[in-house]
Amino acid sequence: MMKLLNSKKQLAAASQTQKKQPKKQRGQGMTEYIIIVALIGVAAIGVYRLFGDTVRQQMAGLSNELAGQDAGADLKAAKGSAKTARTNSTARKNLGNYNTNNR
């Protein structure tokens, strides 16, 4: 009989632990989600910083073409921006020259 009482107490204690645990797990899951979203945001900002000029100029060329105007200058500028972005992305950076060629 005593063993049965002890097992009921242990079962009740385990039940209380299980009731408390999901809140902790939900909080942990939300924290992980926020960290992942923040990392994706930082990566998107970096990509936009690197290729932003190229994308803007390609969109300008596209809108000019849709309007029936010549977009040769815009597309040429986009190619130049892409070349600059490619060069800047392969350059070695350290604390001494990090801000070089950054606009």
PDB file of N, CA and C in Angstrom:
ATOM      1  N   MET A   1       0.822  -1.197   0.000  1.00  0.00           N
ATOM      2  CA  MET A   1       0.000   0.000   0.000  1.00  0.00           C
ATOM      3  C   MET A   1       0.863   1.257   0.000  1.00  0.00           C
ATOM      4  N   MET A   2       1.939   1.196   0.774  1.00  0.00           N
ATOM      5  CA  MET A   2       2.840   2.344   0.858  1.00  0.00           C
ATOM      6  C   MET A   2       3.507   2.604  -0.494  1.00  0.00           C
ATOM      7  N   LYS A   3       3.872   1.540  -1.194  1.00  0.00           N
ATOM      8  CA  LYS A   3       4.493   1.701  -2.504  1.00  0.00           C
ATOM      9  C   LYS A   3       3.520   2.343  -3.489  1.00  0.00           C
ATOM     10  N   LEU A   4       2.264   1.962  -3.372  1.00  0.00           N
ATOM     11  CA  LEU A   4       1.247   2.530  -4.244  1.00  0.00           C
ATOM     12  C   LEU A   4       1.079   4.026  -3.987  1.00  0.00           C
ATOM     13  N   LEU A   5       1.117   4.421  -2.721  1.00  0.00           N
ATOM     14  CA  LEU A   5       1.020   5.845  -2.369  1.00  0.00           C
ATOM     15  C   LEU A   5       2.228   6.617  -2.894  1.00  0.00           C
ATOM     16  N   ASN A   6       3.405   6.032  -2.744  1.00  0.00           N
ATOM     17  CA  ASN A   6       4.623   6.691  -3.234  1.00  0.00           C
ATOM     18  C   ASN A   6       4.585   6.835  -4.750  1.00  0.00           C
ATOM     19  N   SER A   7       4.107   5.803  -5.430  1.00  0.00           N
ATOM     20  CA  SER A   7       4.048   5.897  -6.882  1.00  0.00           C
ATOM     21  C   SER A   7       3.018   6.929  -7.327  1.00  0.00           C
ATOM     22  N   LYS A   8       1.925   7.072  -6.558  1.00  0.00           N
ATOM     23  CA  LYS A   8       0.943   8.099  -6.889  1.00  0.00           C
ATOM     24  C   LYS A   8       1.536   9.493  -6.692  1.00  0.00           C
ATOM     25  N   LYS A   9       2.320   9.663  -5.639  1.00  0.00           N
ATOM     26  CA  LYS A   9       2.981  10.947  -5.399  1.00  0.00           C
ATOM     27  C   LYS A   9       3.977  11.258  -6.518  1.00  0.00           C
ATOM     28  N   GLN A  10       4.733  10.249  -6.915  1.00  0.00           N
ATOM     29  CA  GLN A  10       5.696  10.441  -7.997  1.00  0.00           C
ATOM     30  C   GLN A  10       4.978  10.768  -9.309  1.00  0.00           C
ATOM     31  N   LEU A  11       3.865  10.105  -9.530  1.00  0.00           N
ATOM     32  CA  LEU A  11       3.078  10.365 -10.727  1.00  0.00           C
ATOM     33  C   LEU A  11       2.539  11.790 -10.714  1.00  0.00           C
ATOM     34  N   ALA A  12       2.056  12.245  -9.565  1.00  0.00           N
ATOM     35  CA  ALA A  12       1.546  13.616  -9.443  1.00  0.00           C
ATOM     36  C   ALA A  12       2.667  14.627  -9.649  1.00  0.00           C
ATOM     37  N   ALA A  13       3.846  14.348  -9.092  1.00  0.00           N
ATOM     38  CA  ALA A  13       4.990  15.254  -9.265  1.00  0.00           C
ATOM     39  C   ALA A  13       5.403  15.306 -10.733  1.00  0.00           C
ATOM     40  N   ALA A  14       5.423  14.160 -11.394  1.00  0.00           N
ATOM     41  CA  ALA A  14       5.775  14.122 -12.810  1.00  0.00           C
ATOM     42  C   ALA A  14       4.744  14.867 -13.637  1.00  0.00           C
ATOM     43  N   SER A  15       3.480  14.739 -13.263  1.00  0.00           N
ATOM     44  CA  SER A  15       2.413  15.443 -13.967  1.00  0.00           C
ATOM     45  C   SER A  15       2.571  16.954 -13.837  1.00  0.00           C
ATOM     46  N   GLN A  16       2.932  17.423 -12.635  1.00  0.00           N
ATOM     47  CA  GLN A  16       3.161  18.858 -12.420  1.00  0.00           C
ATOM     48  C   GLN A  16       4.348  19.336 -13.252  1.00  0.00           C
ATOM     49  N   THR A  17       5.388  18.542 -13.340  1.00  0.00           N
ATOM     50  CA  THR A  17       6.562  18.901 -14.143  1.00  0.00           C
ATOM     51  C   THR A  17       6.189  19.016 -15.617  1.00  0.00           C
ATOM     52  N   GLN A  18       5.367  18.103 -16.108  1.00  0.00           N
ATOM     53  CA  GLN A  18       4.962  18.135 -17.508  1.00  0.00           C
ATOM     54  C   GLN A  18       4.092  19.342 -17.811  1.00  0.00           C
ATOM     55  N   LYS A  19       3.293  19.755 -16.842  1.00  0.00           N
ATOM     56  CA  LYS A  19       2.457  20.930 -17.065  1.00  0.00           C
ATOM     57  C   LYS A  19       3.297  22.198 -17.171  1.00  0.00           C
ATOM     58  N   LYS A  20       4.380  22.264 -16.441  1.00  0.00           N
ATOM     59  CA  LYS A  20       5.230  23.454 -16.450  1.00  0.00           C
ATOM     60  C   LYS A  20       6.163  23.475 -17.653  1.00  0.00           C
ATOM     61  N   GLN A  21       6.534  22.354 -18.159  1.00  0.00           N
ATOM     62  CA  GLN A  21       7.549  22.270 -19.197  1.00  0.00           C
ATOM     63  C   GLN A  21       7.147  22.899 -20.537  1.00  0.00           C
ATOM     64  N   PRO A  22       5.933  22.753 -21.035  1.00  0.00           N
ATOM     65  CA  PRO A  22       5.628  23.318 -22.344  1.00  0.00           C
ATOM     66  C   PRO A  22       5.839  24.831 -22.440  1.00  0.00           C
ATOM     67  N   LYS A  23       5.596  25.578 -21.359  1.00  0.00           N
ATOM     68  CA  LYS A  23       5.832  27.023 -21.406  1.00  0.00           C
ATOM     69  C   LYS A  23       7.299  27.317 -21.634  1.00  0.00           C
ATOM     70  N   LYS A  24       8.157  26.571 -20.950  1.00  0.00           N
ATOM     71  CA  LYS A  24       9.592  26.765 -21.132  1.00  0.00           C
ATOM     72  C   LYS A  24       9.987  26.418 -22.567  1.00  0.00           C
ATOM     73  N   GLN A  25       9.437  25.327 -23.052  1.00  0.00           N
ATOM     74  CA  GLN A  25       9.770  24.910 -24.409  1.00  0.00           C
ATOM     75  C   GLN A  25       9.254  25.909 -25.433  1.00  0.00           C
ATOM     76  N   ARG A  26       8.049  26.450 -25.200  1.00  0.00           N
ATOM     77  CA  ARG A  26       7.521  27.458 -26.127  1.00  0.00           C
ATOM     78  C   ARG A  26       8.403  28.690 -26.125  1.00  0.00           C
ATOM     79  N   GLY A  27       8.865  29.100 -24.952  1.00  0.00           N
ATOM     80  CA  GLY A  27       9.741  30.257 -24.857  1.00  0.00           C
ATOM     81  C   GLY A  27      11.059  30.017 -25.570  1.00  0.00           C
ATOM     82  N   GLN A  28      11.581  28.825 -25.422  1.00  0.00           N
ATOM     83  CA  GLN A  28      12.835  28.482 -26.086  1.00  0.00           C
ATOM     84  C   GLN A  28      12.633  28.462 -27.600  1.00  0.00           C
ATOM     85  N   GLY A  29      11.532  27.898 -28.055  1.00  0.00           N
ATOM     86  CA  GLY A  29      11.248  27.854 -29.493  1.00  0.00           C
ATOM     87  C   GLY A  29      11.083  29.245 -30.068  1.00  0.00           C
ATOM     88  N   MET A  30      10.412  30.133 -29.334  1.00  0.00           N
ATOM     89  CA  MET A  30      10.226  31.500 -29.800  1.00  0.00           C
ATOM     90  C   MET A  30      11.567  32.230 -29.871  1.00  0.00           C
ATOM     91  N   THR A  31      12.421  32.004 -28.891  1.00  0.00           N
ATOM     92  CA  THR A  31      13.741  32.635 -28.890  1.00  0.00           C
ATOM     93  C   THR A  31      14.559  32.161 -30.085  1.00  0.00           C
ATOM     94  N   GLU A  32      14.535  30.877 -30.352  1.00  0.00           N
ATOM     95  CA  GLU A  32      15.253  30.350 -31.506  1.00  0.00           C
ATOM     96  C   GLU A  32      14.699  30.938 -32.803  1.00  0.00           C
ATOM     97  N   TYR A  33      13.395  31.044 -32.883  1.00  0.00           N
ATOM     98  CA  TYR A  33      12.763  31.623 -34.069  1.00  0.00           C
ATOM     99  C   TYR A  33      13.208  33.070 -34.263  1.00  0.00           C
ATOM    100  N   ILE A  34      13.240  33.849 -33.198  1.00  0.00           N
ATOM    101  CA  ILE A  34      13.655  35.253 -33.291  1.00  0.00           C
ATOM    102  C   ILE A  34      15.100  35.349 -33.741  1.00  0.00           C
ATOM    103  N   ILE A  35      15.967  34.484 -33.231  1.00  0.00           N
ATOM    104  CA  ILE A  35      17.373  34.503 -33.634  1.00  0.00           C
ATOM    105  C   ILE A  35      17.512  34.167 -35.113  1.00  0.00           C
ATOM    106  N   ILE A  36      16.777  33.179 -35.586  1.00  0.00           N
ATOM    107  CA  ILE A  36      16.849  32.795 -37.002  1.00  0.00           C
ATOM    108  C   ILE A  36      16.345  33.930 -37.893  1.00  0.00           C
ATOM    109  N   VAL A  37      15.231  34.556 -37.503  1.00  0.00           N
ATOM    110  CA  VAL A  37      14.701  35.679 -38.290  1.00  0.00           C
ATOM    111  C   VAL A  37      15.698  36.826 -38.319  1.00  0.00           C
ATOM    112  N   ALA A  38      16.346  37.098 -37.204  1.00  0.00           N
ATOM    113  CA  ALA A  38      17.343  38.169 -37.155  1.00  0.00           C
ATOM    114  C   ALA A  38      18.523  37.859 -38.070  1.00  0.00           C
ATOM    115  N   LEU A  39      18.982  36.616 -38.076  1.00  0.00           N
ATOM    116  CA  LEU A  39      20.096  36.239 -38.949  1.00  0.00           C
ATOM    117  C   LEU A  39      19.716  36.354 -40.425  1.00  0.00           C
ATOM    118  N   ILE A  40      18.505  35.956 -40.754  1.00  0.00           N
ATOM    119  CA  ILE A  40      18.039  36.097 -42.140  1.00  0.00           C
ATOM    120  C   ILE A  40      17.970  37.570 -42.517  1.00  0.00           C
ATOM    121  N   GLY A  41      17.494  38.406 -41.597  1.00  0.00           N
ATOM    122  CA  GLY A  41      17.428  39.845 -41.858  1.00  0.00           C
ATOM    123  C   GLY A  41      18.803  40.445 -42.086  1.00  0.00           C
ATOM    124  N   VAL A  42      19.784  40.060 -41.277  1.00  0.00           N
ATOM    125  CA  VAL A  42      21.148  40.571 -41.445  1.00  0.00           C
ATOM    126  C   VAL A  42      21.718  40.114 -42.781  1.00  0.00           C
ATOM    127  N   ALA A  43      21.474  38.857 -43.148  1.00  0.00           N
ATOM    128  CA  ALA A  43      21.962  38.358 -44.438  1.00  0.00           C
ATOM    129  C   ALA A  43      21.295  39.096 -45.597  1.00  0.00           C
ATOM    130  N   ALA A  44      20.003  39.376 -45.486  1.00  0.00           N
ATOM    131  CA  ALA A  44      19.299  40.104 -46.550  1.00  0.00           C
ATOM    132  C   ALA A  44      19.837  41.515 -46.688  1.00  0.00           C
ATOM    133  N   ILE A  45      20.129  42.157 -45.572  1.00  0.00           N
ATOM    134  CA  ILE A  45      20.701  43.504 -45.628  1.00  0.00           C
ATOM    135  C   ILE A  45      22.064  43.470 -46.308  1.00  0.00           C
ATOM    136  N   GLY A  46      22.863  42.457 -45.993  1.00  0.00           N
ATOM    137  CA  GLY A  46      24.177  42.329 -46.626  1.00  0.00           C
ATOM    138  C   GLY A  46      24.080  42.110 -48.126  1.00  0.00           C
ATOM    139  N   VAL A  47      23.177  41.254 -48.549  1.00  0.00           N
ATOM    140  CA  VAL A  47      22.998  40.993 -49.983  1.00  0.00           C
ATOM    141  C   VAL A  47      22.486  42.248 -50.686  1.00  0.00           C
ATOM    142  N   TYR A  48      21.530  42.927 -50.056  1.00  0.00           N
ATOM    143  CA  TYR A  48      21.001  44.151 -50.660  1.00  0.00           C
ATOM    144  C   TYR A  48      22.097  45.210 -50.746  1.00  0.00           C
ATOM    145  N   ARG A  49      22.932  45.285 -49.727  1.00  0.00           N
ATOM    146  CA  ARG A  49      24.036  46.262 -49.728  1.00  0.00           C
ATOM    147  C   ARG A  49      24.997  45.954 -50.868  1.00  0.00           C
ATOM    148  N   LEU A  50      25.249  44.688 -51.095  1.00  0.00           N
ATOM    149  CA  LEU A  50      26.204  44.290 -52.123  1.00  0.00           C
ATOM    150  C   LEU A  50      25.638  44.454 -53.529  1.00  0.00           C
ATOM    151  N   PHE A  51      24.385  44.073 -53.746  1.00  0.00           N
ATOM    152  CA  PHE A  51      23.805  44.077 -55.081  1.00  0.00           C
ATOM    153  C   PHE A  51      22.702  45.103 -55.276  1.00  0.00           C
ATOM    154  N   GLY A  52      22.509  46.013 -54.336  1.00  0.00           N
ATOM    155  CA  GLY A  52      21.404  46.967 -54.391  1.00  0.00           C
ATOM    156  C   GLY A  52      21.435  47.869 -55.616  1.00  0.00           C
ATOM    157  N   ASP A  53      22.627  48.411 -55.937  1.00  0.00           N
ATOM    158  CA  ASP A  53      22.731  49.291 -57.101  1.00  0.00           C
ATOM    159  C   ASP A  53      22.385  48.547 -58.388  1.00  0.00           C
ATOM    160  N   THR A  54      22.866  47.335 -58.496  1.00  0.00           N
ATOM    161  CA  THR A  54      22.603  46.540 -59.694  1.00  0.00           C
ATOM    162  C   THR A  54      21.104  46.293 -59.866  1.00  0.00           C
ATOM    163  N   VAL A  55      20.453  45.904 -58.787  1.00  0.00           N
ATOM    164  CA  VAL A  55      19.014  45.610 -58.845  1.00  0.00           C
ATOM    165  C   VAL A  55      18.232  46.874 -59.185  1.00  0.00           C
ATOM    166  N   ARG A  56      18.571  48.001 -58.552  1.00  0.00           N
ATOM    167  CA  ARG A  56      17.865  49.262 -58.839  1.00  0.00           C
ATOM    168  C   ARG A  56      18.019  49.664 -60.297  1.00  0.00           C
ATOM    169  N   GLN A  57      19.232  49.533 -60.839  1.00  0.00           N
ATOM    170  CA  GLN A  57      19.442  49.932 -62.222  1.00  0.00           C
ATOM    171  C   GLN A  57      18.779  48.969 -63.202  1.00  0.00           C
ATOM    172  N   GLN A  58      18.733  47.698 -62.873  1.00  0.00           N
ATOM    173  CA  GLN A  58      18.019  46.758 -63.732  1.00  0.00           C
ATOM    174  C   GLN A  58      16.521  47.057 -63.728  1.00  0.00           C
ATOM    175  N   MET A  59      15.990  47.408 -62.572  1.00  0.00           N
ATOM    176  CA  MET A  59      14.564  47.761 -62.498  1.00  0.00           C
ATOM    177  C   MET A  59      14.288  49.054 -63.266  1.00  0.00           C
ATOM    178  N   ALA A  60      15.224  49.992 -63.210  1.00  0.00           N
ATOM    179  CA  ALA A  60      15.049  51.230 -63.974  1.00  0.00           C
ATOM    180  C   ALA A  60      15.046  50.924 -65.471  1.00  0.00           C
ATOM    181  N   GLY A  61      15.958  50.052 -65.908  1.00  0.00           N
ATOM    182  CA  GLY A  61      15.979  49.657 -67.316  1.00  0.00           C
ATOM    183  C   GLY A  61      14.713  48.941 -67.724  1.00  0.00           C
ATOM    184  N   LEU A  62      14.218  48.080 -66.864  1.00  0.00           N
ATOM    185  CA  LEU A  62      12.982  47.353 -67.151  1.00  0.00           C
ATOM    186  C   LEU A  62      11.803  48.310 -67.274  1.00  0.00           C
ATOM    187  N   SER A  63      11.713  49.274 -66.352  1.00  0.00           N
ATOM    188  CA  SER A  63      10.591  50.218 -66.419  1.00  0.00           C
ATOM    189  C   SER A  63      10.686  51.120 -67.652  1.00  0.00           C
ATOM    190  N   ASN A  64      11.895  51.495 -68.041  1.00  0.00           N
ATOM    191  CA  ASN A  64      12.051  52.292 -69.268  1.00  0.00           C
ATOM    192  C   ASN A  64      11.637  51.489 -70.498  1.00  0.00           C
ATOM    193  N   GLU A  65      12.018  50.226 -70.537  1.00  0.00           N
ATOM    194  CA  GLU A  65      11.630  49.379 -71.676  1.00  0.00           C
ATOM    195  C   GLU A  65      10.113  49.215 -71.732  1.00  0.00           C
ATOM    196  N   LEU A  66       9.478  49.036 -70.576  1.00  0.00           N
ATOM    197  CA  LEU A  66       8.026  48.911 -70.558  1.00  0.00           C
ATOM    198  C   LEU A  66       7.341  50.201 -70.994  1.00  0.00           C
ATOM    199  N   ALA A  67       7.995  51.336 -70.734  1.00  0.00           N
ATOM    200  CA  ALA A  67       7.427  52.623 -71.132  1.00  0.00           C
ATOM    201  C   ALA A  67       7.717  52.944 -72.598  1.00  0.00           C
ATOM    202  N   GLY A  68       8.469  52.068 -73.261  1.00  0.00           N
ATOM    203  CA  GLY A  68       8.753  52.277 -74.682  1.00  0.00           C
ATOM    204  C   GLY A  68       9.980  53.144 -74.930  1.00  0.00           C
ATOM    205  N   GLN A  69      10.800  53.350 -73.928  1.00  0.00           N
ATOM    206  CA  GLN A  69      12.006  54.166 -74.069  1.00  0.00           C
ATOM    207  C   GLN A  69      13.230  53.259 -74.126  1.00  0.00           C
ATOM    208  N   ASP A  70      14.337  53.830 -74.592  1.00  0.00           N
ATOM    209  CA  ASP A  70      15.585  53.082 -74.687  1.00  0.00           C
ATOM    210  C   ASP A  70      16.192  52.930 -73.289  1.00  0.00           C
ATOM    211  N   ALA A  71      16.567  51.722 -72.928  1.00  0.00           N
ATOM    212  CA  ALA A  71      17.120  51.454 -71.601  1.00  0.00           C
ATOM    213  C   ALA A  71      18.575  51.032 -71.673  1.00  0.00           C
ATOM    214  N   GLY A  72      19.234  51.315 -72.773  1.00  0.00           N
ATOM    215  CA  GLY A  72      20.636  50.913 -72.945  1.00  0.00           C
ATOM    216  C   GLY A  72      21.546  51.485 -71.878  1.00  0.00           C
ATOM    217  N   ALA A  73      21.360  52.749 -71.527  1.00  0.00           N
ATOM    218  CA  ALA A  73      22.221  53.373 -70.515  1.00  0.00           C
ATOM    219  C   ALA A  73      22.002  52.739 -69.145  1.00  0.00           C
ATOM    220  N   ASP A  74      20.748  52.451 -68.810  1.00  0.00           N
ATOM    221  CA  ASP A  74      20.460  51.831 -67.519  1.00  0.00           C
ATOM    222  C   ASP A  74      21.055  50.430 -67.426  1.00  0.00           C
ATOM    223  N   LEU A  75      20.936  49.665 -68.492  1.00  0.00           N
ATOM    224  CA  LEU A  75      21.473  48.311 -68.482  1.00  0.00           C
ATOM    225  C   LEU A  75      22.997  48.316 -68.437  1.00  0.00           C
ATOM    226  N   LYS A  76      23.617  49.291 -69.106  1.00  0.00           N
ATOM    227  CA  LYS A  76      25.073  49.426 -69.057  1.00  0.00           C
ATOM    228  C   LYS A  76      25.515  49.790 -67.639  1.00  0.00           C
ATOM    229  N   ALA A  77      24.783  50.684 -66.975  1.00  0.00           N
ATOM    230  CA  ALA A  77      25.097  51.053 -65.593  1.00  0.00           C
ATOM    231  C   ALA A  77      24.921  49.859 -64.662  1.00  0.00           C
ATOM    232  N   ALA A  78      23.915  49.019 -64.925  1.00  0.00           N
ATOM    233  CA  ALA A  78      23.694  47.822 -64.106  1.00  0.00           C
ATOM    234  C   ALA A  78      24.858  46.851 -64.248  1.00  0.00           C
ATOM    235  N   LYS A  79      25.365  46.698 -65.464  1.00  0.00           N
ATOM    236  CA  LYS A  79      26.525  45.824 -65.672  1.00  0.00           C
ATOM    237  C   LYS A  79      27.741  46.356 -64.931  1.00  0.00           C
ATOM    238  N   GLY A  80      27.923  47.685 -64.967  1.00  0.00           N
ATOM    239  CA  GLY A  80      29.048  48.288 -64.230  1.00  0.00           C
ATOM    240  C   GLY A  80      28.918  48.084 -62.732  1.00  0.00           C
ATOM    241  N   SER A  81      27.715  48.226 -62.214  1.00  0.00           N
ATOM    242  CA  SER A  81      27.486  48.014 -60.778  1.00  0.00           C
ATOM    243  C   SER A  81      27.710  46.548 -60.404  1.00  0.00           C
ATOM    244  N   ALA A  82      27.308  45.647 -61.266  1.00  0.00           N
ATOM    245  CA  ALA A  82      27.517  44.224 -60.997  1.00  0.00           C
ATOM    246  C   ALA A  82      29.005  43.895 -60.967  1.00  0.00           C
ATOM    247  N   LYS A  83      29.759  44.485 -61.869  1.00  0.00           N
ATOM    248  CA  LYS A  83      31.204  44.254 -61.900  1.00  0.00           C
ATOM    249  C   LYS A  83      31.852  44.800 -60.630  1.00  0.00           C
ATOM    250  N   THR A  84      31.438  46.001 -60.199  1.00  0.00           N
ATOM    251  CA  THR A  84      31.968  46.590 -58.970  1.00  0.00           C
ATOM    252  C   THR A  84      31.614  45.726 -57.765  1.00  0.00           C
ATOM    253  N   ALA A  85      30.386  45.233 -57.721  1.00  0.00           N
ATOM    254  CA  ALA A  85      29.955  44.375 -56.611  1.00  0.00           C
ATOM    255  C   ALA A  85      30.763  43.087 -56.577  1.00  0.00           C
ATOM    256  N   ARG A  86      31.014  42.511 -57.743  1.00  0.00           N
ATOM    257  CA  ARG A  86      31.806  41.284 -57.818  1.00  0.00           C
ATOM    258  C   ARG A  86      33.226  41.536 -57.321  1.00  0.00           C
ATOM    259  N   THR A  87      33.822  42.660 -57.729  1.00  0.00           N
ATOM    260  CA  THR A  87      35.174  42.996 -57.297  1.00  0.00           C
ATOM    261  C   THR A  87      35.226  43.223 -55.786  1.00  0.00           C
ATOM    262  N   ASN A  88      34.250  43.963 -55.254  1.00  0.00           N
ATOM    263  CA  ASN A  88      34.229  44.241 -53.816  1.00  0.00           C
ATOM    264  C   ASN A  88      33.975  42.990 -52.994  1.00  0.00           C
ATOM    265  N   SER A  89      33.229  42.048 -53.534  1.00  0.00           N
ATOM    266  CA  SER A  89      32.915  40.842 -52.763  1.00  0.00           C
ATOM    267  C   SER A  89      34.109  39.908 -52.653  1.00  0.00           C
ATOM    268  N   THR A  90      35.031  39.966 -53.589  1.00  0.00           N
ATOM    269  CA  THR A  90      36.197  39.087 -53.541  1.00  0.00           C
ATOM    270  C   THR A  90      37.396  39.746 -52.872  1.00  0.00           C
ATOM    271  N   ALA A  91      37.306  41.045 -52.554  1.00  0.00           N
ATOM    272  CA  ALA A  91      38.415  41.737 -51.907  1.00  0.00           C
ATOM    273  C   ALA A  91      38.561  41.272 -50.464  1.00  0.00           C
ATOM    274  N   ARG A  92      39.784  41.152 -50.010  1.00  0.00           N
ATOM    275  CA  ARG A  92      40.037  40.776 -48.616  1.00  0.00           C
ATOM    276  C   ARG A  92      39.841  41.993 -47.734  1.00  0.00           C
ATOM    277  N   LYS A  93      39.130  41.819 -46.667  1.00  0.00           N
ATOM    278  CA  LYS A  93      38.845  42.915 -45.738  1.00  0.00           C
ATOM    279  C   LYS A  93      39.461  42.605 -44.382  1.00  0.00           C
ATOM    280  N   ASN A  94      39.989  43.637 -43.748  1.00  0.00           N
ATOM    281  CA  ASN A  94      40.422  43.548 -42.359  1.00  0.00           C
ATOM    282  C   ASN A  94      40.097  44.879 -41.694  1.00  0.00           C
ATOM    283  N   LEU A  95      40.468  45.055 -40.452  1.00  0.00           N
ATOM    284  CA  LEU A  95      40.102  46.275 -39.746  1.00  0.00           C
ATOM    285  C   LEU A  95      40.772  47.511 -40.336  1.00  0.00           C
ATOM    286  N   GLY A  96      41.900  47.350 -40.985  1.00  0.00           N
ATOM    287  CA  GLY A  96      42.600  48.493 -41.554  1.00  0.00           C
ATOM    288  C   GLY A  96      41.963  49.028 -42.831  1.00  0.00           C
ATOM    289  N   ASN A  97      41.343  48.166 -43.627  1.00  0.00           N
ATOM    290  CA  ASN A  97      40.782  48.611 -44.919  1.00  0.00           C
ATOM    291  C   ASN A  97      39.312  48.261 -45.082  1.00  0.00           C
ATOM    292  N   TYR A  98      38.608  48.032 -43.988  1.00  0.00           N
ATOM    293  CA  TYR A  98      37.224  47.568 -44.089  1.00  0.00           C
ATOM    294  C   TYR A  98      36.330  48.567 -44.788  1.00  0.00           C
ATOM    295  N   ASN A  99      36.493  49.857 -44.563  1.00  0.00           N
ATOM    296  CA  ASN A  99      35.604  50.863 -45.134  1.00  0.00           C
ATOM    297  C   ASN A  99      36.012  51.308 -46.534  1.00  0.00           C
ATOM    298  N   THR A 100      37.070  50.774 -47.061  1.00  0.00           N
ATOM    299  CA  THR A 100      37.509  51.101 -48.422  1.00  0.00           C
ATOM    300  C   THR A 100      36.504  50.538 -49.426  1.00  0.00           C
ATOM    301  N   ASN A 101      36.124  51.323 -50.394  1.00  0.00           N
ATOM    302  CA  ASN A 101      35.193  50.963 -51.458  1.00  0.00           C
ATOM    303  C   ASN A 101      33.775  50.675 -50.972  1.00  0.00           C
ATOM    304  N   ASN A 102      33.468  51.040 -49.751  1.00  0.00           N
ATOM    305  CA  ASN A 102      32.084  50.925 -49.275  1.00  0.00           C
ATOM    306  C   ASN A 102      31.397  52.263 -49.493  1.00  0.00           C
ATOM    307  N   ARG A 103      30.172  52.196 -50.039  1.00  0.00           N
ATOM    308  CA  ARG A 103      29.445  53.443 -50.254  1.00  0.00           C
ATOM    309  C   ARG A 103      28.330  53.522 -49.291  1.00  0.00           C
TER     310      ARG A 103
END
